[in-house]
């Protein structure tokens, strides 16, 4: 069964309700990319009239983590996944609708294949860039994912 935006968003509702309540949603997923969105609202604001950094982080992590889940599911193997580290930079106030795009699916193919072949844990850094409706970069998040065959 293929992961779809609808299935991931339902998963959010039941397993990550805080992200769902904040308005984080998966909009599209493919072999190489995942797009998530979140809209600035009263519930996810900070005192400076923009979106709280942690809400941006939820949307960014989801854009990377959804692809990790999809690649693991596609492999048919029992593989664990965990974020080991993350970095973030902020360039502009996040207001309005923010889109987080990760284009690192091709890197995952290699890491999953290596984890299966070597039976050793693998790490991979994945980047998600957040842009506003004008196409301006508001934040960039990087997540170090670890995957390991169980």
Protein backbone atom coordinates (compact mmCIF):
# COMPACT_ATOMS: atom_id res chain seq x y z
CA UNK A 1 0.00 0.00 0.00
CA UNK A 2 1.46 3.35 -1.10
CA UNK A 3 1.64 6.32 1.27
CA UNK A 4 -0.53 9.21 0.14
CA UNK A 5 -1.01 12.72 1.55
CA UNK A 6 -4.44 11.69 2.84
CA UNK A 7 -3.02 8.67 4.71
CA UNK A 8 -0.20 10.72 6.22
CA UNK A 9 -2.58 13.50 7.30
CA UNK A 10 -4.85 10.90 8.95
CA UNK A 11 -1.76 9.49 10.69
CA UNK A 12 -1.02 13.03 11.96
CA UNK A 13 -4.51 13.36 13.41
CA UNK A 14 -4.18 10.17 15.45
CA UNK A 15 -0.44 9.97 16.24
CA UNK A 16 0.81 13.59 16.13
CA UNK A 17 -2.26 15.62 17.09
CA UNK A 18 -0.26 18.73 18.00
CA UNK A 19 1.06 18.98 14.43
CA UNK A 20 -2.45 18.41 13.05
CA UNK A 21 -3.97 21.07 15.33
CA UNK A 22 -1.24 23.55 14.29
CA UNK A 23 -2.31 23.05 10.67
CA UNK A 24 0.65 21.03 9.36
CA UNK A 25 -0.36 19.01 6.27
CA UNK A 26 1.30 16.91 3.57
CA UNK A 27 0.30 18.22 0.15
CA UNK A 28 2.28 15.93 -2.16
CA UNK A 29 4.78 13.11 -2.09
CA UNK A 30 6.77 11.48 -4.87
CA UNK A 31 9.87 9.31 -5.23
CA UNK A 32 12.15 12.32 -4.82
CA UNK A 33 10.16 15.13 -3.17
CA UNK A 34 7.68 15.86 -0.42
CA UNK A 35 5.77 19.10 0.07
CA UNK A 36 4.15 20.10 3.36
CA UNK A 37 2.32 23.29 4.28
CA UNK A 38 1.34 25.20 7.38
CA UNK A 39 -0.55 28.49 7.58
CA UNK A 40 0.15 31.20 10.14
CA UNK A 41 -2.78 31.39 12.56
CA UNK A 42 -3.49 32.48 16.10
CA UNK A 43 -2.75 29.01 17.51
CA UNK A 44 0.76 28.76 16.01
CA UNK A 45 1.92 32.36 16.52
CA UNK A 46 4.84 33.66 18.55
CA UNK A 47 4.89 37.04 20.38
CA UNK A 48 6.49 38.68 17.31
CA UNK A 49 3.49 38.26 14.97
CA UNK A 50 4.92 35.36 13.01
CA UNK A 51 4.85 31.58 13.14
CA UNK A 52 6.53 29.89 16.10
CA UNK A 53 9.80 28.24 15.05
CA UNK A 54 8.76 24.84 16.43
CA UNK A 55 5.68 24.76 14.18
CA UNK A 56 7.90 25.44 11.19
CA UNK A 57 10.11 22.61 12.43
CA UNK A 58 7.15 20.21 12.57
CA UNK A 59 6.25 20.96 8.95
CA UNK A 60 9.87 20.72 7.83
CA UNK A 61 10.50 17.44 9.66
CA UNK A 62 7.32 15.98 8.20
CA UNK A 63 8.52 16.74 4.67
CA UNK A 64 11.67 14.70 5.29
CA UNK A 65 10.19 12.03 7.55
CA UNK A 66 7.34 11.21 5.18
CA UNK A 67 9.86 10.29 2.50
CA UNK A 68 11.84 8.18 4.97
CA UNK A 69 8.64 6.30 5.90
CA UNK A 70 7.72 5.83 2.24
CA UNK A 71 11.17 4.47 1.29
CA UNK A 72 11.16 2.08 4.26
CA UNK A 73 7.67 0.87 3.34
CA UNK A 74 8.75 0.47 -0.30
CA UNK A 75 11.74 -1.68 0.78
CA UNK A 76 9.49 -4.21 2.49
CA UNK A 77 12.04 -4.53 5.32
CA UNK A 78 11.64 -3.85 9.04
CA UNK A 79 13.73 -0.68 9.41
CA UNK A 80 13.72 1.76 12.31
CA UNK A 81 14.03 5.53 11.83
CA UNK A 82 14.97 8.31 14.21
CA UNK A 83 16.08 11.93 14.04
CA UNK A 84 19.57 12.16 15.56
CA UNK A 85 20.21 15.89 15.05
CA UNK A 86 18.81 18.96 13.36
CA UNK A 87 19.85 22.47 12.33
CA UNK A 88 17.75 25.45 11.35
CA UNK A 89 18.29 28.92 9.94
CA UNK A 90 15.66 31.63 9.77
CA UNK A 91 15.69 34.31 7.10
CA UNK A 92 12.34 36.10 7.29
CA UNK A 93 9.19 36.24 9.40
CA UNK A 94 6.91 33.32 8.62
CA UNK A 95 3.43 34.69 7.95
CA UNK A 96 0.72 33.47 5.62
CA UNK A 97 0.98 30.02 4.05
CA UNK A 98 4.45 28.46 4.29
CA UNK A 99 5.48 25.51 2.09
CA UNK A 100 8.29 23.17 3.07
CA UNK A 101 9.87 21.24 0.23
CA UNK A 102 12.37 18.42 0.55
CA UNK A 103 14.07 17.19 -2.64
CA UNK A 104 16.32 14.54 -1.08
CA UNK A 105 14.49 11.32 -1.96
CA UNK A 106 17.35 10.17 -4.18
CA UNK A 107 19.69 10.17 -1.17
CA UNK A 108 17.34 7.89 0.74
CA UNK A 109 17.44 5.18 -1.92
CA UNK A 110 21.17 4.77 -1.36
CA UNK A 111 20.95 4.85 2.45
CA UNK A 112 18.14 2.28 2.64
CA UNK A 113 19.96 -0.01 0.20
CA UNK A 114 23.18 0.28 2.27
CA UNK A 115 21.32 -0.40 5.54
CA UNK A 116 19.80 -3.58 4.07
CA UNK A 117 23.02 -4.75 2.42
CA UNK A 118 25.38 -4.10 5.34
CA UNK A 119 22.87 -4.62 8.19
CA UNK A 120 24.47 -1.56 9.79
CA UNK A 121 22.84 1.71 10.77
CA UNK A 122 23.04 4.55 8.27
CA UNK A 123 22.72 8.30 8.69
CA UNK A 124 21.56 10.81 6.14
CA UNK A 125 21.15 14.59 6.27
CA UNK A 126 17.99 15.85 4.57
CA UNK A 127 17.11 19.50 3.91
CA UNK A 128 13.69 21.14 3.85
CA UNK A 129 13.30 24.71 2.65
CA UNK A 130 10.36 26.83 3.79
CA UNK A 131 9.05 29.50 1.44
CA UNK A 132 6.19 31.98 1.70
CA UNK A 133 3.55 32.68 -0.95
CA UNK A 134 5.94 35.14 -2.67
CA UNK A 135 8.56 32.41 -3.03
CA UNK A 136 10.89 33.99 -0.46
CA UNK A 137 12.82 31.60 1.80
CA UNK A 138 11.69 32.03 5.41
CA UNK A 139 13.57 29.11 6.99
CA UNK A 140 15.74 26.13 6.15
CA UNK A 141 15.79 23.01 8.30
CA UNK A 142 18.20 20.09 8.08
CA UNK A 143 17.54 16.77 9.81
CA UNK A 144 19.98 13.93 10.37
CA UNK A 145 17.94 10.74 10.04
CA UNK A 146 19.27 7.41 11.25
CA UNK A 147 17.91 4.20 9.77
CA UNK A 148 18.72 0.67 10.87
CA UNK A 149 17.56 -2.80 9.92
CA UNK A 150 15.83 -4.41 12.89
